[in-house]
């Protein structure tokens, strides 16, 4: 499957949106961010407006300079979740997704081995719901353990 001009344009728009958010929310002025990234301030502004296409390496560099988690932010944006990308880019959730997205492919490969060929794309949504429920239960278990340990005996 090759990207079409419309999907490429949508991807650029999504990246521009989260990059603009990252730059605006950064604790640095735009000219400093541009300098640290190695681009002219006007080029950075054009990228933020979506007027200049940007590569993933450049986008990641801007996000890092702005204190955001680049992989998680870009994956969320490219998956059509720009609002969550903006909300989570500097949070523990962003850090969690950064590590999760980096570790998951290797764990799937090691755990499933040749059975990877048996996976069906239609299972992805249900699997993501299962993972979310497992994480919620894990968090609840930790909270209950903390409460139990703080009770007087």
Protein backbone atom coordinates (compact mmCIF):
# COMPACT_ATOMS: atom_id res chain seq x y z
CA UNK A 1 0.00 0.00 0.00
CA UNK A 2 1.51 3.31 -1.10
CA UNK A 3 0.59 6.62 0.49
CA UNK A 4 -1.66 8.81 -1.61
CA UNK A 5 -1.25 12.58 -1.77
CA UNK A 6 -4.34 12.93 0.45
CA UNK A 7 -2.97 10.58 3.15
CA UNK A 8 0.42 12.30 2.94
CA UNK A 9 -1.28 15.69 3.29
CA UNK A 10 -3.36 14.47 6.23
CA UNK A 11 -0.24 13.08 7.92
CA UNK A 12 1.53 16.41 7.46
CA UNK A 13 -1.51 18.27 8.85
CA UNK A 14 -1.64 15.93 11.89
CA UNK A 15 2.07 16.36 12.57
CA UNK A 16 1.83 20.13 12.13
CA UNK A 17 -0.98 20.29 14.67
CA UNK A 18 0.90 18.42 17.39
CA UNK A 19 4.16 20.24 16.62
CA UNK A 20 2.38 23.58 16.95
CA UNK A 21 0.98 22.47 20.29
CA UNK A 22 4.39 21.28 21.49
CA UNK A 23 6.10 24.52 20.47
CA UNK A 24 3.38 26.72 21.97
CA UNK A 25 3.42 24.79 25.26
CA UNK A 26 7.21 24.65 25.51
CA UNK A 27 9.06 26.64 28.14
CA UNK A 28 11.29 28.11 25.42
CA UNK A 29 10.79 30.85 22.86
CA UNK A 30 10.26 29.78 19.25
CA UNK A 31 13.59 31.19 18.07
CA UNK A 32 15.44 29.06 20.65
CA UNK A 33 13.52 25.92 19.66
CA UNK A 34 14.31 26.60 15.98
CA UNK A 35 18.00 27.11 16.78
CA UNK A 36 18.20 23.91 18.86
CA UNK A 37 16.49 21.97 16.08
CA UNK A 38 18.80 23.50 13.47
CA UNK A 39 16.22 25.32 11.38
CA UNK A 40 15.36 28.93 10.73
CA UNK A 41 12.55 30.39 12.88
CA UNK A 42 10.43 31.11 9.79
CA UNK A 43 10.83 27.50 8.66
CA UNK A 44 9.62 26.33 12.07
CA UNK A 45 6.60 28.62 11.81
CA UNK A 46 5.79 27.25 8.33
CA UNK A 47 6.04 23.70 9.70
CA UNK A 48 3.71 24.59 12.57
CA UNK A 49 1.15 26.00 10.11
CA UNK A 50 1.42 22.89 7.92
CA UNK A 51 2.76 24.93 5.01
CA UNK A 52 6.02 22.98 4.84
CA UNK A 53 6.16 19.18 4.80
CA UNK A 54 8.25 17.71 7.56
CA UNK A 55 10.03 14.39 7.89
CA UNK A 56 9.63 12.17 10.91
CA UNK A 57 13.23 12.77 12.02
CA UNK A 58 12.71 16.54 12.01
CA UNK A 59 9.36 16.22 13.78
CA UNK A 60 10.91 13.97 16.44
CA UNK A 61 13.71 16.47 16.98
CA UNK A 62 11.23 19.33 17.48
CA UNK A 63 9.22 17.25 19.95
CA UNK A 64 12.33 16.30 21.95
CA UNK A 65 13.50 19.92 22.12
CA UNK A 66 10.01 20.87 23.35
CA UNK A 67 10.14 18.21 26.10
CA UNK A 68 7.61 15.82 24.54
CA UNK A 69 7.78 12.09 23.95
CA UNK A 70 8.31 11.90 20.18
CA UNK A 71 7.34 8.33 19.22
CA UNK A 72 4.15 8.30 21.28
CA UNK A 73 3.14 11.76 20.06
CA UNK A 74 3.77 10.99 16.39
CA UNK A 75 2.11 7.56 16.47
CA UNK A 76 -0.99 9.03 18.11
CA UNK A 77 -1.08 11.89 15.62
CA UNK A 78 -0.64 9.63 12.60
CA UNK A 79 -3.36 7.33 13.99
CA UNK A 80 -5.79 10.26 13.97
CA UNK A 81 -5.58 10.90 17.72
CA UNK A 82 -4.12 14.43 17.66
CA UNK A 83 -6.09 15.53 20.74
CA UNK A 84 -4.66 12.69 22.83
CA UNK A 85 -1.19 13.30 21.37
CA UNK A 86 -1.37 16.92 22.53
CA UNK A 87 -2.82 16.00 25.93
CA UNK A 88 -0.33 13.20 26.68
CA UNK A 89 2.87 14.39 24.98
CA UNK A 90 4.50 15.54 28.26
CA UNK A 91 2.70 13.26 30.71
CA UNK A 92 3.36 9.90 32.30
CA UNK A 93 0.85 8.48 29.81
CA UNK A 94 3.03 9.78 27.00
CA UNK A 95 6.07 8.21 28.61
CA UNK A 96 4.16 4.93 29.09
CA UNK A 97 3.14 4.87 25.41
CA UNK A 98 6.68 5.77 24.32
CA UNK A 99 8.01 2.66 26.05
CA UNK A 100 4.98 0.50 25.16
CA UNK A 101 5.18 1.27 21.42
CA UNK A 102 8.94 0.63 21.48
CA UNK A 103 8.71 -2.67 23.37
CA UNK A 104 5.54 -4.21 21.90
CA UNK A 105 6.83 -5.36 18.48
CA UNK A 106 9.75 -7.26 20.02
CA UNK A 107 7.55 -8.89 22.64
CA UNK A 108 4.99 -9.91 20.02
CA UNK A 109 7.72 -11.40 17.86
CA UNK A 110 9.30 -13.35 20.73
CA UNK A 111 6.01 -14.49 22.25
CA UNK A 112 4.12 -15.38 19.11
CA UNK A 113 6.97 -16.51 16.89
CA UNK A 114 5.59 -18.25 13.81
CA UNK A 115 2.06 -17.77 15.14
CA UNK A 116 2.24 -14.11 14.09
CA UNK A 117 0.90 -15.30 10.72
CA UNK A 118 -2.25 -16.45 12.55
CA UNK A 119 -3.11 -12.93 13.78
CA UNK A 120 -6.11 -11.28 12.16
CA UNK A 121 -6.43 -7.49 11.83
CA UNK A 122 -10.03 -7.66 13.03
CA UNK A 123 -8.73 -8.74 16.45
CA UNK A 124 -6.83 -5.48 17.00
CA UNK A 125 -9.69 -3.45 18.50
CA UNK A 126 -10.72 -6.20 20.92
CA UNK A 127 -7.10 -6.76 21.89
CA UNK A 128 -6.65 -3.05 22.63
CA UNK A 129 -9.77 -3.16 24.84
CA UNK A 130 -8.38 -6.21 26.64
CA UNK A 131 -5.05 -4.48 27.27
CA UNK A 132 -6.84 -1.38 28.60
CA UNK A 133 -8.97 -3.47 30.98
CA UNK A 134 -5.89 -5.39 32.16
CA UNK A 135 -4.08 -2.12 32.87
CA UNK A 136 -7.09 -0.73 34.77
CA UNK A 137 -7.22 -3.89 36.89
CA UNK A 138 -3.48 -3.70 37.50
CA UNK A 139 -3.79 -0.08 38.68
CA UNK A 140 -6.75 -0.99 40.92
CA UNK A 141 -4.76 -3.88 42.43
CA UNK A 142 -1.88 -1.55 43.25
CA UNK A 143 -4.22 1.03 44.78
CA UNK A 144 -5.94 -1.61 46.90
CA UNK A 145 -2.58 -2.97 48.05
CA UNK A 146 -1.46 0.54 49.04
CA UNK A 147 -4.69 1.13 50.98
CA UNK A 148 -4.39 -2.24 52.74
CA UNK A 149 -0.80 -1.51 53.77
CA UNK A 150 -1.74 1.88 55.21
CA UNK A 151 -4.54 0.52 57.42
CA UNK A 152 -3.71 0.02 61.11
CA UNK A 153 -3.45 -3.60 62.15
